[in-house]
Amino acid sequence: MNLTMAGAVLVALAVSGVVLTRRRYVVVTVVGVSMLPTLAEGDRVLVRRSALARVRTGDLVVSRPPAGERWATLPTWLIKRAVAVPGDPLPGHVALAVPEGPGARVPPGRVVLLGDNPAESLDSRFCGYFREHQIVGIVVRRLTRGD
């Protein structure tokens, strides 16, 4: 293999690595105050694209907002904390927003997401379960702190 061919192979490998990384990770900027004090407006977080099956209670999760005209003013993605995953008991303060009611368990393909700042968070207390197809990924770490 000559030097030009080796360079081309290295460039192709580097480009492939970047493409694969961008498919696996995304950087999200926090909009709003629903996650205070954990995350503030303007914070940037690294998110690993993941399915609901990888979400654990306590994880910070990025999801698409609920569908419908009522939620049209929300950002493209929301950041909330997973407080109950499929099979977990339904938290009492969410029971009014879902059909199953108190004492139920979170059904398959659903997750309960809440903001850390309940007074300022549109979350499962108002819109019920988030569905599997809404999950974008799990926050890996904060990259920068907003001002």
N, C-alpha and C. Protein backbone atom coordinates (compact mmCIF):
# COMPACT_ATOMS: atom_id res chain seq x y z
N MET A 1 0.85 -1.16 0.00
CA MET A 1 0.00 0.00 0.00
C MET A 1 0.91 1.23 0.00
N ASN A 2 0.64 2.14 -0.94
CA ASN A 2 1.47 3.35 -0.99
C ASN A 2 0.97 4.40 0.00
N LEU A 3 1.75 5.44 0.17
CA LEU A 3 1.45 6.48 1.16
C LEU A 3 0.13 7.20 0.87
N THR A 4 -0.18 7.45 -0.41
CA THR A 4 -1.43 8.13 -0.77
C THR A 4 -2.63 7.27 -0.41
N MET A 5 -2.53 5.99 -0.69
CA MET A 5 -3.63 5.08 -0.39
C MET A 5 -3.82 4.96 1.13
N ALA A 6 -2.73 4.88 1.87
CA ALA A 6 -2.82 4.80 3.33
C ALA A 6 -3.46 6.06 3.90
N GLY A 7 -3.13 7.22 3.36
CA GLY A 7 -3.73 8.48 3.80
C GLY A 7 -5.23 8.50 3.51
N ALA A 8 -5.61 7.99 2.35
CA ALA A 8 -7.03 7.95 1.99
C ALA A 8 -7.80 7.03 2.92
N VAL A 9 -7.19 5.90 3.28
CA VAL A 9 -7.83 4.97 4.22
C VAL A 9 -8.00 5.63 5.58
N LEU A 10 -6.97 6.33 6.05
CA LEU A 10 -7.07 7.01 7.34
C LEU A 10 -8.16 8.09 7.33
N VAL A 11 -8.25 8.85 6.25
CA VAL A 11 -9.28 9.87 6.14
C VAL A 11 -10.66 9.22 6.14
N ALA A 12 -10.82 8.14 5.39
CA ALA A 12 -12.11 7.43 5.35
C ALA A 12 -12.50 6.91 6.73
N LEU A 13 -11.53 6.37 7.46
CA LEU A 13 -11.81 5.88 8.82
C LEU A 13 -12.20 7.03 9.74
N ALA A 14 -11.51 8.16 9.62
CA ALA A 14 -11.83 9.31 10.46
C ALA A 14 -13.23 9.83 10.16
N VAL A 15 -13.57 9.94 8.89
CA VAL A 15 -14.91 10.41 8.51
C VAL A 15 -15.96 9.43 9.01
N SER A 16 -15.72 8.15 8.87
CA SER A 16 -16.66 7.14 9.36
C SER A 16 -16.85 7.27 10.86
N GLY A 17 -15.77 7.50 11.59
CA GLY A 17 -15.85 7.68 13.03
C GLY A 17 -16.69 8.88 13.42
N VAL A 18 -16.51 9.98 12.71
CA VAL A 18 -17.29 11.19 12.99
C VAL A 18 -18.77 10.94 12.70
N VAL A 19 -19.06 10.30 11.59
CA VAL A 19 -20.46 10.01 11.23
C VAL A 19 -21.11 9.11 12.28
N LEU A 20 -20.41 8.07 12.69
CA LEU A 20 -20.96 7.17 13.70
C LEU A 20 -21.15 7.87 15.04
N THR A 21 -20.23 8.72 15.42
CA THR A 21 -20.34 9.47 16.68
C THR A 21 -21.53 10.40 16.63
N ARG A 22 -21.75 11.07 15.52
CA ARG A 22 -22.88 12.01 15.41
C ARG A 22 -24.20 11.26 15.41
N ARG A 23 -24.23 10.04 14.96
CA ARG A 23 -25.46 9.25 15.03
C ARG A 23 -25.74 8.78 16.45
N ARG A 24 -24.70 8.62 17.24
CA ARG A 24 -24.82 8.08 18.59
C ARG A 24 -25.01 9.18 19.65
N TYR A 25 -24.41 10.35 19.43
CA TYR A 25 -24.44 11.43 20.42
C TYR A 25 -24.97 12.71 19.79
N VAL A 26 -25.57 13.54 20.63
CA VAL A 26 -26.04 14.85 20.19
C VAL A 26 -25.85 15.82 21.35
N VAL A 27 -25.55 17.08 21.02
CA VAL A 27 -25.41 18.12 22.04
C VAL A 27 -26.73 18.91 22.06
N VAL A 28 -27.28 19.07 23.26
CA VAL A 28 -28.57 19.75 23.43
C VAL A 28 -28.38 20.95 24.36
N THR A 29 -28.98 22.07 24.00
CA THR A 29 -28.95 23.26 24.84
C THR A 29 -30.25 23.32 25.63
N VAL A 30 -30.13 23.55 26.92
CA VAL A 30 -31.30 23.62 27.81
C VAL A 30 -32.07 24.90 27.55
N VAL A 31 -33.37 24.76 27.38
CA VAL A 31 -34.27 25.90 27.20
C VAL A 31 -35.27 25.88 28.36
N GLY A 32 -35.37 26.97 29.08
CA GLY A 32 -36.33 27.05 30.17
C GLY A 32 -35.72 26.71 31.52
N VAL A 33 -36.59 26.71 32.54
CA VAL A 33 -36.14 26.54 33.93
C VAL A 33 -36.70 25.29 34.59
N SER A 34 -37.27 24.38 33.83
CA SER A 34 -37.92 23.21 34.42
C SER A 34 -36.96 22.25 35.12
N MET A 35 -35.67 22.35 34.84
CA MET A 35 -34.71 21.42 35.44
C MET A 35 -33.82 22.09 36.49
N LEU A 36 -34.16 23.32 36.90
CA LEU A 36 -33.41 23.96 37.99
C LEU A 36 -33.60 23.17 39.27
N PRO A 37 -32.63 23.01 40.11
CA PRO A 37 -31.28 23.57 40.05
C PRO A 37 -30.28 22.69 39.30
N THR A 38 -30.70 21.53 38.82
CA THR A 38 -29.77 20.61 38.17
C THR A 38 -29.19 21.19 36.89
N LEU A 39 -30.05 21.70 36.02
CA LEU A 39 -29.64 22.31 34.76
C LEU A 39 -30.30 23.66 34.63
N ALA A 40 -29.55 24.63 34.12
CA ALA A 40 -30.06 25.99 33.95
C ALA A 40 -30.19 26.32 32.47
N GLU A 41 -31.00 27.32 32.19
CA GLU A 41 -31.16 27.81 30.82
C GLU A 41 -29.78 28.09 30.23
N GLY A 42 -29.55 27.59 29.03
CA GLY A 42 -28.29 27.80 28.34
C GLY A 42 -27.25 26.73 28.57
N ASP A 43 -27.44 25.88 29.57
CA ASP A 43 -26.50 24.76 29.76
C ASP A 43 -26.52 23.90 28.49
N ARG A 44 -25.39 23.32 28.20
CA ARG A 44 -25.30 22.38 27.07
C ARG A 44 -24.95 21.02 27.63
N VAL A 45 -25.67 20.00 27.15
CA VAL A 45 -25.46 18.64 27.65
C VAL A 45 -25.18 17.70 26.48
N LEU A 46 -24.39 16.67 26.78
CA LEU A 46 -24.11 15.63 25.82
C LEU A 46 -25.11 14.51 26.04
N VAL A 47 -25.79 14.11 24.98
CA VAL A 47 -26.85 13.11 25.07
C VAL A 47 -26.49 11.91 24.20
N ARG A 48 -26.54 10.73 24.81
CA ARG A 48 -26.34 9.48 24.06
C ARG A 48 -27.70 9.02 23.58
N ARG A 49 -27.86 8.92 22.28
CA ARG A 49 -29.13 8.43 21.74
C ARG A 49 -29.37 7.02 22.29
N SER A 50 -30.54 6.82 22.87
CA SER A 50 -30.84 5.55 23.52
C SER A 50 -32.32 5.27 23.43
N ALA A 51 -32.65 4.00 23.47
CA ALA A 51 -34.05 3.57 23.49
C ALA A 51 -34.54 3.57 24.94
N LEU A 52 -35.84 3.51 25.10
CA LEU A 52 -36.45 3.47 26.42
C LEU A 52 -35.91 2.33 27.27
N ALA A 53 -35.58 1.20 26.65
CA ALA A 53 -35.08 0.04 27.39
C ALA A 53 -33.80 0.35 28.18
N ARG A 54 -33.06 1.36 27.78
CA ARG A 54 -31.81 1.73 28.47
C ARG A 54 -32.02 2.79 29.56
N VAL A 55 -33.20 3.38 29.61
CA VAL A 55 -33.49 4.43 30.60
C VAL A 55 -33.69 3.80 31.96
N ARG A 56 -33.05 4.38 32.97
CA ARG A 56 -33.19 3.93 34.36
C ARG A 56 -33.78 5.07 35.19
N THR A 57 -34.47 4.70 36.25
CA THR A 57 -35.01 5.69 37.16
C THR A 57 -33.87 6.60 37.64
N GLY A 58 -34.10 7.90 37.58
CA GLY A 58 -33.09 8.88 37.98
C GLY A 58 -32.33 9.47 36.81
N ASP A 59 -32.34 8.82 35.65
CA ASP A 59 -31.64 9.35 34.48
C ASP A 59 -32.27 10.66 34.02
N LEU A 60 -31.45 11.56 33.51
CA LEU A 60 -31.96 12.73 32.80
C LEU A 60 -32.17 12.29 31.36
N VAL A 61 -33.35 12.54 30.85
CA VAL A 61 -33.76 12.03 29.55
C VAL A 61 -34.15 13.19 28.64
N VAL A 62 -33.77 13.10 27.38
CA VAL A 62 -34.23 14.05 26.38
C VAL A 62 -35.34 13.34 25.60
N SER A 63 -36.47 14.04 25.47
CA SER A 63 -37.60 13.45 24.75
C SER A 63 -38.22 14.50 23.82
N ARG A 64 -38.99 13.99 22.90
CA ARG A 64 -39.80 14.88 22.09
C ARG A 64 -41.02 15.25 22.93
N PRO A 65 -41.58 16.45 22.74
CA PRO A 65 -42.74 16.85 23.54
C PRO A 65 -43.98 16.06 23.14
N PRO A 66 -45.01 16.13 23.97
CA PRO A 66 -46.28 15.48 23.61
C PRO A 66 -46.80 16.04 22.29
N ALA A 67 -47.53 15.22 21.55
CA ALA A 67 -48.11 15.66 20.29
C ALA A 67 -49.39 16.45 20.57
N GLY A 68 -49.74 17.29 19.66
CA GLY A 68 -51.00 18.00 19.77
C GLY A 68 -50.83 19.50 19.83
N GLU A 69 -51.87 20.17 19.43
CA GLU A 69 -51.87 21.62 19.36
C GLU A 69 -51.61 22.27 20.71
N ARG A 70 -52.07 21.64 21.77
CA ARG A 70 -51.92 22.18 23.12
C ARG A 70 -50.44 22.39 23.49
N TRP A 71 -49.55 21.56 22.93
CA TRP A 71 -48.13 21.60 23.29
C TRP A 71 -47.28 22.23 22.19
N ALA A 72 -47.90 22.89 21.22
CA ALA A 72 -47.20 23.40 20.03
C ALA A 72 -46.11 24.43 20.35
N THR A 73 -46.19 25.10 21.49
CA THR A 73 -45.20 26.15 21.79
C THR A 73 -43.96 25.61 22.49
N LEU A 74 -43.91 24.32 22.74
CA LEU A 74 -42.76 23.74 23.44
C LEU A 74 -41.55 23.65 22.53
N PRO A 75 -40.34 23.59 23.12
CA PRO A 75 -39.14 23.37 22.30
C PRO A 75 -39.22 22.02 21.58
N THR A 76 -38.34 21.83 20.61
CA THR A 76 -38.31 20.58 19.85
C THR A 76 -38.05 19.39 20.76
N TRP A 77 -37.17 19.56 21.74
CA TRP A 77 -36.84 18.49 22.69
C TRP A 77 -36.97 19.01 24.11
N LEU A 78 -37.35 18.12 25.02
CA LEU A 78 -37.47 18.44 26.44
C LEU A 78 -36.43 17.64 27.22
N ILE A 79 -35.97 18.18 28.33
CA ILE A 79 -35.09 17.44 29.23
C ILE A 79 -35.81 17.29 30.56
N LYS A 80 -35.99 16.04 30.98
CA LYS A 80 -36.70 15.74 32.23
C LYS A 80 -36.00 14.56 32.92
N ARG A 81 -36.40 14.30 34.16
CA ARG A 81 -35.85 13.18 34.92
C ARG A 81 -36.82 11.99 34.86
N ALA A 82 -36.30 10.82 34.56
CA ALA A 82 -37.12 9.61 34.58
C ALA A 82 -37.37 9.22 36.04
N VAL A 83 -38.64 9.21 36.45
CA VAL A 83 -38.97 8.85 37.83
C VAL A 83 -39.65 7.49 37.92
N ALA A 84 -40.08 6.96 36.80
CA ALA A 84 -40.65 5.61 36.77
C ALA A 84 -40.56 5.08 35.34
N VAL A 85 -40.03 3.87 35.21
CA VAL A 85 -39.88 3.22 33.91
C VAL A 85 -40.85 2.03 33.86
N PRO A 86 -40.98 1.37 32.70
CA PRO A 86 -41.94 0.28 32.60
C PRO A 86 -41.78 -0.74 33.74
N GLY A 87 -42.91 -1.05 34.39
CA GLY A 87 -42.93 -2.01 35.48
C GLY A 87 -42.84 -1.39 36.86
N ASP A 88 -42.37 -0.14 36.95
CA ASP A 88 -42.28 0.56 38.24
C ASP A 88 -43.67 0.98 38.70
N PRO A 89 -43.86 1.12 40.02
CA PRO A 89 -45.12 1.67 40.51
C PRO A 89 -45.30 3.11 40.02
N LEU A 90 -46.52 3.46 39.70
CA LEU A 90 -46.82 4.81 39.25
C LEU A 90 -46.75 5.77 40.43
N PRO A 91 -45.93 6.82 40.35
CA PRO A 91 -45.88 7.79 41.45
C PRO A 91 -47.25 8.43 41.67
N GLY A 92 -47.64 8.59 42.92
CA GLY A 92 -48.96 9.11 43.26
C GLY A 92 -49.26 10.46 42.66
N HIS A 93 -48.29 11.36 42.60
CA HIS A 93 -48.54 12.70 42.09
C HIS A 93 -48.71 12.74 40.57
N VAL A 94 -48.55 11.60 39.89
CA VAL A 94 -48.76 11.52 38.45
C VAL A 94 -50.07 10.80 38.15
N ALA A 95 -50.61 10.10 39.12
CA ALA A 95 -51.77 9.23 38.92
C ALA A 95 -52.97 9.94 38.31
N LEU A 96 -53.15 11.22 38.60
CA LEU A 96 -54.30 11.93 38.06
C LEU A 96 -54.20 12.18 36.56
N ALA A 97 -52.99 12.12 36.00
CA ALA A 97 -52.80 12.44 34.59
C ALA A 97 -52.81 11.21 33.69
N VAL A 98 -52.98 10.02 34.26
CA VAL A 98 -52.99 8.80 33.45
C VAL A 98 -54.26 8.00 33.74
N PRO A 99 -54.70 7.19 32.79
CA PRO A 99 -55.96 6.48 32.98
C PRO A 99 -55.93 5.39 34.05
N GLU A 100 -54.77 4.81 34.33
CA GLU A 100 -54.70 3.68 35.27
C GLU A 100 -54.99 4.08 36.71
N GLY A 101 -54.55 5.27 37.10
CA GLY A 101 -54.80 5.76 38.45
C GLY A 101 -53.85 5.21 39.50
N PRO A 102 -54.12 5.54 40.77
CA PRO A 102 -53.23 5.15 41.88
C PRO A 102 -53.06 3.63 41.99
N GLY A 103 -51.85 3.22 42.36
CA GLY A 103 -51.55 1.80 42.56
C GLY A 103 -51.15 1.06 41.30
N ALA A 104 -51.25 1.69 40.15
CA ALA A 104 -50.90 1.04 38.89
C ALA A 104 -49.39 0.98 38.70
N ARG A 105 -48.97 0.22 37.73
CA ARG A 105 -47.56 0.16 37.33
C ARG A 105 -47.43 0.79 35.95
N VAL A 106 -46.27 1.34 35.69
CA VAL A 106 -46.01 1.96 34.39
C VAL A 106 -46.05 0.86 33.33
N PRO A 107 -46.89 1.02 32.31
CA PRO A 107 -47.01 -0.03 31.29
C PRO A 107 -45.80 -0.08 30.36
N PRO A 108 -45.64 -1.18 29.64
CA PRO A 108 -44.55 -1.28 28.66
C PRO A 108 -44.64 -0.15 27.64
N GLY A 109 -43.48 0.33 27.22
CA GLY A 109 -43.43 1.37 26.20
C GLY A 109 -43.75 2.76 26.71
N ARG A 110 -43.82 2.93 28.03
CA ARG A 110 -44.14 4.23 28.62
C ARG A 110 -43.11 4.56 29.69
N VAL A 111 -43.00 5.85 30.01
CA VAL A 111 -42.09 6.32 31.05
C VAL A 111 -42.69 7.57 31.69
N VAL A 112 -42.42 7.77 32.97
CA VAL A 112 -42.86 8.96 33.67
C VAL A 112 -41.67 9.90 33.78
N LEU A 113 -41.81 11.11 33.21
CA LEU A 113 -40.75 12.11 33.21
C LEU A 113 -41.22 13.34 33.95
N LEU A 114 -40.39 13.82 34.89
CA LEU A 114 -40.71 15.02 35.66
C LEU A 114 -39.54 16.00 35.63
N GLY A 115 -39.86 17.28 35.68
CA GLY A 115 -38.83 18.30 35.82
C GLY A 115 -38.41 18.41 37.27
N ASP A 116 -37.18 18.83 37.51
CA ASP A 116 -36.68 19.01 38.88
C ASP A 116 -37.27 20.25 39.54
N ASN A 117 -37.86 21.13 38.77
CA ASN A 117 -38.48 22.36 39.26
C ASN A 117 -39.99 22.24 39.02
N PRO A 118 -40.71 21.54 39.92
CA PRO A 118 -42.11 21.21 39.65
C PRO A 118 -43.02 22.41 39.40
N ALA A 119 -42.72 23.55 39.99
CA ALA A 119 -43.57 24.72 39.78
C ALA A 119 -43.48 25.27 38.36
N GLU A 120 -42.42 24.89 37.63
CA GLU A 120 -42.19 25.43 36.29
C GLU A 120 -41.97 24.35 35.24
N SER A 121 -42.56 23.18 35.43
CA SER A 121 -42.28 22.08 34.51
C SER A 121 -43.55 21.50 33.92
N LEU A 122 -43.60 21.43 32.61
CA LEU A 122 -44.66 20.72 31.92
C LEU A 122 -44.15 19.30 31.73
N ASP A 123 -44.73 18.35 32.43
CA ASP A 123 -44.21 17.00 32.45
C ASP A 123 -45.33 15.99 32.64
N SER A 124 -45.01 14.80 33.10
CA SER A 124 -46.01 13.73 33.23
C SER A 124 -47.14 14.07 34.18
N ARG A 125 -46.95 15.02 35.07
CA ARG A 125 -48.05 15.43 35.95
C ARG A 125 -49.18 16.06 35.16
N PHE A 126 -48.87 16.59 33.98
CA PHE A 126 -49.88 17.28 33.16
C PHE A 126 -50.23 16.51 31.89
N CYS A 127 -49.26 15.82 31.32
CA CYS A 127 -49.52 15.18 30.03
C CYS A 127 -49.44 13.65 30.09
N GLY A 128 -49.33 13.10 31.29
CA GLY A 128 -49.32 11.64 31.42
C GLY A 128 -47.99 11.03 31.00
N TYR A 129 -48.08 9.80 30.56
CA TYR A 129 -46.87 9.07 30.17
C TYR A 129 -46.22 9.68 28.93
N PHE A 130 -44.91 9.55 28.86
CA PHE A 130 -44.19 9.78 27.62
C PHE A 130 -44.04 8.41 26.97
N ARG A 131 -44.13 8.36 25.68
CA ARG A 131 -44.09 7.09 24.95
C ARG A 131 -42.69 6.79 24.44
N GLU A 132 -42.47 5.52 24.21
CA GLU A 132 -41.16 5.05 23.77
C GLU A 132 -40.63 5.82 22.57
N HIS A 133 -41.48 6.09 21.58
CA HIS A 133 -41.01 6.77 20.36
C HIS A 133 -40.60 8.22 20.61
N GLN A 134 -40.97 8.78 21.77
CA GLN A 134 -40.60 10.16 22.08
C GLN A 134 -39.19 10.26 22.66
N ILE A 135 -38.63 9.17 23.13
CA ILE A 135 -37.32 9.20 23.78
C ILE A 135 -36.22 9.41 22.75
N VAL A 136 -35.40 10.43 22.98
CA VAL A 136 -34.26 10.72 22.12
C VAL A 136 -33.00 10.08 22.71
N GLY A 137 -32.80 10.25 24.01
CA GLY A 137 -31.61 9.68 24.63
C GLY A 137 -31.45 10.08 26.08
N ILE A 138 -30.31 9.71 26.62
CA ILE A 138 -29.99 9.92 28.03
C ILE A 138 -28.83 10.90 28.13
N VAL A 139 -28.97 11.87 29.04
CA VAL A 139 -27.91 12.86 29.24
C VAL A 139 -26.71 12.14 29.87
N VAL A 140 -25.55 12.30 29.23
CA VAL A 140 -24.30 11.69 29.70
C VAL A 140 -23.59 12.65 30.65
N ARG A 141 -23.56 13.94 30.28
CA ARG A 141 -22.89 14.93 31.13
C ARG A 141 -23.19 16.32 30.63
N ARG A 142 -23.01 17.29 31.53
CA ARG A 142 -23.13 18.69 31.16
C ARG A 142 -21.79 19.10 30.55
N LEU A 143 -21.86 19.82 29.43
CA LEU A 143 -20.64 20.27 28.76
C LEU A 143 -20.28 21.69 29.17
N THR A 144 -21.27 22.57 29.20
CA THR A 144 -21.02 23.95 29.60
C THR A 144 -22.14 24.43 30.48
N ARG A 145 -21.85 25.41 31.29
CA ARG A 145 -22.84 25.99 32.20
C ARG A 145 -23.36 27.29 31.55
N GLY A 146 -24.70 27.44 31.45
CA GLY A 146 -25.28 28.66 30.91
C GLY A 146 -25.14 29.80 31.91
N ASP A 147 -25.23 30.99 31.43
CA ASP A 147 -25.12 32.19 32.31
C ASP A 147 -26.46 32.72 32.69
